[in-house]
Amino acid sequence: MPSQTLDEIADLVRAKNAGPFWLTLDVFLPTDEAYERVCASDVVDPDAIAALYRTSAEGVRIFPMAALRAIKISFPRPVTQGSFPDRDMHSGQQHVPLAAIEVPELVGAGPER
């Protein structure tokens, strides 16, 4: 199995409103191996996240939390929440591009490990 989407690996990929100026994405993984695999991928690369969400890499904040097997990603919203051009006030659908990221198999993973 060379690669899978993040959505196929994770227990949950979600987006949530983090106030009027920030958006947060959460990724919850089922195992330590899945967590390590995702942490070795573009999911934790600020440049990749910035390209995916058309924002500046300098504004992307990534918080891997190994004890929870979770990754939190935050970045500035493209427009202020509730402003006229805001098309997703609660950021409920913003996880979809992240969930579609291809996550390659971790090098060295497998039964011989």
N, C-alpha and C. Protein backbone atom coordinates (compact mmCIF):
# COMPACT_ATOMS: atom_id res chain seq x y z
N MET A 1 0.86 -1.17 0.00
CA MET A 1 0.00 0.00 0.00
C MET A 1 0.91 1.24 0.00
N PRO A 2 1.23 1.80 -1.18
CA PRO A 2 2.20 2.89 -1.27
C PRO A 2 1.75 4.20 -0.63
N SER A 3 0.52 4.60 -0.82
CA SER A 3 0.04 5.83 -0.19
C SER A 3 -1.46 5.75 0.01
N GLN A 4 -1.93 6.53 0.94
CA GLN A 4 -3.36 6.65 1.23
C GLN A 4 -3.63 8.12 1.49
N THR A 5 -4.89 8.51 1.42
CA THR A 5 -5.22 9.88 1.79
C THR A 5 -5.26 9.96 3.31
N LEU A 6 -5.10 11.16 3.81
CA LEU A 6 -5.16 11.38 5.26
C LEU A 6 -6.48 10.89 5.81
N ASP A 7 -7.55 11.12 5.08
CA ASP A 7 -8.88 10.69 5.52
C ASP A 7 -8.96 9.17 5.68
N GLU A 8 -8.22 8.43 4.87
CA GLU A 8 -8.22 6.97 4.97
C GLU A 8 -7.43 6.47 6.17
N ILE A 9 -6.48 7.26 6.65
CA ILE A 9 -5.61 6.86 7.75
C ILE A 9 -6.16 7.32 9.10
N ALA A 10 -6.66 8.54 9.15
CA ALA A 10 -7.06 9.16 10.41
C ALA A 10 -8.41 8.67 10.92
N ASP A 11 -8.56 8.71 12.23
CA ASP A 11 -9.87 8.47 12.83
C ASP A 11 -10.79 9.65 12.54
N LEU A 12 -10.21 10.86 12.57
CA LEU A 12 -11.01 12.07 12.38
C LEU A 12 -10.13 13.18 11.83
N VAL A 13 -10.61 13.86 10.82
CA VAL A 13 -10.01 15.10 10.31
C VAL A 13 -11.13 16.12 10.36
N ARG A 14 -10.93 17.20 11.10
CA ARG A 14 -12.01 18.18 11.23
C ARG A 14 -11.45 19.60 11.20
N ALA A 15 -12.33 20.52 10.88
CA ALA A 15 -12.02 21.94 10.92
C ALA A 15 -12.93 22.57 11.94
N LYS A 16 -12.43 23.61 12.56
CA LYS A 16 -13.29 24.32 13.50
C LYS A 16 -12.90 25.79 13.55
N ASN A 17 -13.85 26.57 13.91
CA ASN A 17 -13.65 27.99 14.04
C ASN A 17 -12.74 28.25 15.25
N ALA A 18 -11.76 29.07 15.08
CA ALA A 18 -10.86 29.41 16.18
C ALA A 18 -10.90 30.92 16.42
N GLY A 19 -12.08 31.49 16.30
CA GLY A 19 -12.24 32.92 16.49
C GLY A 19 -12.39 33.63 15.16
N PRO A 20 -12.53 34.94 15.18
CA PRO A 20 -12.81 35.68 13.95
C PRO A 20 -11.62 35.79 13.00
N PHE A 21 -10.42 35.45 13.48
CA PHE A 21 -9.24 35.66 12.65
C PHE A 21 -8.44 34.40 12.35
N TRP A 22 -8.75 33.28 13.00
CA TRP A 22 -7.98 32.04 12.84
C TRP A 22 -8.88 30.87 12.51
N LEU A 23 -8.33 29.91 11.82
CA LEU A 23 -8.99 28.65 11.49
C LEU A 23 -8.10 27.53 12.02
N THR A 24 -8.69 26.49 12.56
CA THR A 24 -7.93 25.36 13.10
C THR A 24 -8.40 24.06 12.48
N LEU A 25 -7.44 23.21 12.14
CA LEU A 25 -7.70 21.88 11.62
C LEU A 25 -7.14 20.88 12.63
N ASP A 26 -7.88 19.82 12.90
CA ASP A 26 -7.43 18.78 13.83
C ASP A 26 -7.38 17.45 13.10
N VAL A 27 -6.34 16.69 13.40
CA VAL A 27 -6.18 15.34 12.85
C VAL A 27 -5.97 14.40 14.03
N PHE A 28 -6.81 13.38 14.14
CA PHE A 28 -6.68 12.38 15.21
C PHE A 28 -6.35 11.04 14.57
N LEU A 29 -5.26 10.41 15.02
CA LEU A 29 -4.79 9.17 14.43
C LEU A 29 -5.06 7.99 15.36
N PRO A 30 -5.28 6.79 14.78
CA PRO A 30 -5.67 5.63 15.59
C PRO A 30 -4.52 4.92 16.29
N THR A 31 -3.30 5.01 15.75
CA THR A 31 -2.16 4.28 16.32
C THR A 31 -0.92 5.15 16.32
N ASP A 32 0.07 4.73 17.10
CA ASP A 32 1.35 5.44 17.10
C ASP A 32 2.00 5.38 15.72
N GLU A 33 1.86 4.25 15.03
CA GLU A 33 2.45 4.10 13.70
C GLU A 33 1.80 5.06 12.71
N ALA A 34 0.49 5.19 12.78
CA ALA A 34 -0.21 6.13 11.90
C ALA A 34 0.22 7.56 12.22
N TYR A 35 0.35 7.88 13.50
CA TYR A 35 0.80 9.22 13.91
C TYR A 35 2.19 9.51 13.34
N GLU A 36 3.12 8.57 13.49
CA GLU A 36 4.48 8.75 12.96
C GLU A 36 4.46 8.93 11.45
N ARG A 37 3.64 8.14 10.78
CA ARG A 37 3.54 8.23 9.31
C ARG A 37 3.06 9.60 8.87
N VAL A 38 2.03 10.10 9.53
CA VAL A 38 1.49 11.41 9.16
C VAL A 38 2.47 12.52 9.52
N CYS A 39 3.15 12.39 10.66
CA CYS A 39 4.12 13.41 11.05
C CYS A 39 5.32 13.48 10.10
N ALA A 40 5.57 12.42 9.37
CA ALA A 40 6.66 12.40 8.40
C ALA A 40 6.21 12.90 7.03
N SER A 41 4.96 13.35 6.91
CA SER A 41 4.40 13.74 5.61
C SER A 41 4.22 15.24 5.49
N ASP A 42 3.63 15.66 4.36
CA ASP A 42 3.34 17.07 4.11
C ASP A 42 2.31 17.66 5.06
N VAL A 43 1.61 16.83 5.79
CA VAL A 43 0.59 17.33 6.73
C VAL A 43 1.23 18.25 7.76
N VAL A 44 2.47 18.01 8.13
CA VAL A 44 3.13 18.86 9.11
C VAL A 44 4.16 19.81 8.47
N ASP A 45 4.03 20.05 7.19
CA ASP A 45 4.92 20.97 6.47
C ASP A 45 4.17 22.29 6.25
N PRO A 46 4.63 23.37 6.91
CA PRO A 46 3.94 24.66 6.75
C PRO A 46 3.82 25.12 5.30
N ASP A 47 4.84 24.84 4.47
CA ASP A 47 4.77 25.24 3.07
C ASP A 47 3.66 24.49 2.34
N ALA A 48 3.51 23.20 2.61
CA ALA A 48 2.47 22.40 1.97
C ALA A 48 1.08 22.87 2.40
N ILE A 49 0.93 23.13 3.69
CA ILE A 49 -0.37 23.61 4.20
C ILE A 49 -0.68 24.98 3.62
N ALA A 50 0.33 25.85 3.56
CA ALA A 50 0.13 27.19 2.99
C ALA A 50 -0.31 27.12 1.54
N ALA A 51 0.30 26.23 0.77
CA ALA A 51 -0.09 26.08 -0.63
C ALA A 51 -1.51 25.54 -0.74
N LEU A 52 -1.84 24.60 0.10
CA LEU A 52 -3.17 23.98 0.07
C LEU A 52 -4.27 24.98 0.40
N TYR A 53 -3.99 25.88 1.34
CA TYR A 53 -5.01 26.83 1.80
C TYR A 53 -4.76 28.26 1.33
N ARG A 54 -3.82 28.42 0.41
CA ARG A 54 -3.54 29.74 -0.19
C ARG A 54 -3.31 30.82 0.87
N THR A 55 -2.38 30.50 1.77
CA THR A 55 -2.02 31.44 2.82
C THR A 55 -0.50 31.48 2.92
N SER A 56 0.03 32.28 3.79
CA SER A 56 1.47 32.41 3.96
C SER A 56 1.99 31.32 4.91
N ALA A 57 3.09 30.69 4.54
CA ALA A 57 3.68 29.65 5.40
C ALA A 57 4.10 30.22 6.75
N GLU A 58 4.45 31.49 6.78
CA GLU A 58 4.86 32.12 8.04
C GLU A 58 3.71 32.17 9.05
N GLY A 59 2.48 32.16 8.55
CA GLY A 59 1.33 32.22 9.44
C GLY A 59 0.82 30.86 9.88
N VAL A 60 1.34 29.78 9.30
CA VAL A 60 0.88 28.44 9.63
C VAL A 60 1.54 27.97 10.92
N ARG A 61 0.74 27.51 11.86
CA ARG A 61 1.22 26.96 13.13
C ARG A 61 0.81 25.50 13.21
N ILE A 62 1.78 24.62 13.46
CA ILE A 62 1.49 23.20 13.53
C ILE A 62 1.91 22.69 14.91
N PHE A 63 0.99 21.99 15.56
CA PHE A 63 1.21 21.50 16.92
C PHE A 63 1.02 19.99 16.96
N PRO A 64 2.10 19.21 16.76
CA PRO A 64 1.98 17.76 16.91
C PRO A 64 1.87 17.41 18.39
N MET A 65 0.95 16.55 18.74
CA MET A 65 0.74 16.14 20.13
C MET A 65 0.81 14.62 20.20
N ALA A 66 2.02 14.10 20.39
CA ALA A 66 2.25 12.66 20.34
C ALA A 66 1.43 11.90 21.38
N ALA A 67 1.31 12.43 22.58
CA ALA A 67 0.58 11.73 23.64
C ALA A 67 -0.88 11.50 23.27
N LEU A 68 -1.44 12.39 22.45
CA LEU A 68 -2.83 12.27 22.01
C LEU A 68 -2.95 11.66 20.62
N ARG A 69 -1.83 11.44 19.96
CA ARG A 69 -1.81 11.00 18.55
C ARG A 69 -2.67 11.96 17.72
N ALA A 70 -2.42 13.25 17.93
CA ALA A 70 -3.19 14.28 17.26
C ALA A 70 -2.25 15.36 16.74
N ILE A 71 -2.72 16.05 15.71
CA ILE A 71 -2.00 17.18 15.14
C ILE A 71 -2.99 18.32 14.97
N LYS A 72 -2.63 19.48 15.49
CA LYS A 72 -3.45 20.68 15.34
C LYS A 72 -2.73 21.63 14.40
N ILE A 73 -3.45 22.16 13.43
CA ILE A 73 -2.89 23.09 12.45
C ILE A 73 -3.75 24.35 12.49
N SER A 74 -3.12 25.49 12.68
CA SER A 74 -3.85 26.76 12.72
C SER A 74 -3.20 27.75 11.76
N PHE A 75 -4.04 28.58 11.18
CA PHE A 75 -3.55 29.65 10.31
C PHE A 75 -4.61 30.74 10.23
N PRO A 76 -4.21 31.95 9.81
CA PRO A 76 -5.18 33.04 9.72
C PRO A 76 -6.27 32.74 8.70
N ARG A 77 -7.50 33.11 9.06
CA ARG A 77 -8.62 32.97 8.11
C ARG A 77 -8.38 33.91 6.93
N PRO A 78 -8.84 33.55 5.75
CA PRO A 78 -8.63 34.43 4.59
C PRO A 78 -9.41 35.74 4.70
N VAL A 79 -10.54 35.70 5.37
CA VAL A 79 -11.32 36.91 5.64
C VAL A 79 -11.84 36.81 7.08
N THR A 80 -12.16 37.93 7.66
CA THR A 80 -12.67 37.96 9.03
C THR A 80 -14.02 37.23 9.10
N GLN A 81 -14.17 36.42 10.14
CA GLN A 81 -15.42 35.68 10.33
C GLN A 81 -16.60 36.64 10.38
N GLY A 82 -17.62 36.29 9.63
CA GLY A 82 -18.85 37.07 9.63
C GLY A 82 -18.84 38.28 8.72
N SER A 83 -17.70 38.55 8.09
CA SER A 83 -17.65 39.69 7.17
C SER A 83 -18.40 39.30 5.88
N PHE A 84 -18.71 40.29 5.08
CA PHE A 84 -19.49 40.05 3.88
C PHE A 84 -18.90 38.96 2.97
N PRO A 85 -17.57 38.93 2.73
CA PRO A 85 -17.05 37.89 1.84
C PRO A 85 -16.86 36.51 2.50
N ASP A 86 -17.16 36.38 3.79
CA ASP A 86 -16.99 35.09 4.49
C ASP A 86 -18.03 34.09 4.00
N ARG A 87 -17.56 32.98 3.40
CA ARG A 87 -18.48 31.98 2.84
C ARG A 87 -18.59 30.74 3.71
N ASP A 88 -17.88 30.69 4.82
CA ASP A 88 -17.94 29.53 5.72
C ASP A 88 -17.71 30.03 7.14
N MET A 89 -18.71 30.66 7.69
CA MET A 89 -18.59 31.35 8.97
C MET A 89 -18.06 30.46 10.10
N HIS A 90 -18.43 29.21 10.09
CA HIS A 90 -18.01 28.32 11.17
C HIS A 90 -16.85 27.41 10.77
N SER A 91 -16.32 27.60 9.58
CA SER A 91 -15.17 26.84 9.07
C SER A 91 -15.44 25.34 9.03
N GLY A 92 -16.67 24.96 8.94
CA GLY A 92 -17.06 23.56 9.04
C GLY A 92 -16.61 22.67 7.90
N GLN A 93 -16.32 23.23 6.74
CA GLN A 93 -15.94 22.40 5.59
C GLN A 93 -14.47 22.56 5.19
N GLN A 94 -13.70 23.26 5.99
CA GLN A 94 -12.32 23.56 5.60
C GLN A 94 -11.37 22.38 5.76
N HIS A 95 -11.82 21.29 6.36
CA HIS A 95 -10.97 20.11 6.51
C HIS A 95 -10.84 19.29 5.22
N VAL A 96 -11.71 19.51 4.27
CA VAL A 96 -11.76 18.68 3.07
C VAL A 96 -10.43 18.67 2.29
N PRO A 97 -9.80 19.81 1.99
CA PRO A 97 -8.51 19.75 1.27
C PRO A 97 -7.44 18.99 2.06
N LEU A 98 -7.40 19.18 3.37
CA LEU A 98 -6.41 18.48 4.19
C LEU A 98 -6.66 16.97 4.17
N ALA A 99 -7.91 16.57 4.27
CA ALA A 99 -8.25 15.14 4.29
C ALA A 99 -7.83 14.45 2.99
N ALA A 100 -7.72 15.18 1.91
CA ALA A 100 -7.39 14.60 0.61
C ALA A 100 -5.88 14.50 0.35
N ILE A 101 -5.05 15.00 1.27
CA ILE A 101 -3.60 14.90 1.09
C ILE A 101 -3.18 13.44 1.04
N GLU A 102 -2.32 13.11 0.07
CA GLU A 102 -1.76 11.76 -0.03
C GLU A 102 -0.64 11.63 1.00
N VAL A 103 -0.71 10.57 1.78
CA VAL A 103 0.29 10.30 2.81
C VAL A 103 1.05 9.03 2.39
N PRO A 104 2.33 9.19 2.02
CA PRO A 104 3.08 8.00 1.59
C PRO A 104 3.35 7.07 2.77
N GLU A 105 3.62 5.83 2.44
CA GLU A 105 3.97 4.85 3.46
C GLU A 105 5.28 5.30 4.11
N LEU A 106 5.39 5.11 5.39
CA LEU A 106 6.59 5.47 6.13
C LEU A 106 7.73 4.54 5.72
N VAL A 107 8.86 5.11 5.32
CA VAL A 107 10.01 4.31 4.90
C VAL A 107 10.49 3.48 6.09
N GLY A 108 10.71 2.21 5.83
CA GLY A 108 11.14 1.32 6.91
C GLY A 108 9.99 0.69 7.66
N ALA A 109 8.76 1.05 7.29
CA ALA A 109 7.59 0.48 7.95
C ALA A 109 7.33 -0.90 7.38
N GLY A 110 6.70 -1.70 8.14
CA GLY A 110 6.33 -3.02 7.66
C GLY A 110 6.63 -4.08 8.69
N PRO A 111 6.41 -5.35 8.36
CA PRO A 111 6.56 -6.41 9.33
C PRO A 111 7.99 -6.63 9.80
N GLU A 112 8.98 -6.23 8.97
CA GLU A 112 10.37 -6.47 9.37
C GLU A 112 10.88 -5.44 10.36
N ARG A 113 10.08 -4.47 10.72
CA ARG A 113 10.50 -3.43 11.66
C ARG A 113 10.68 -3.96 13.03
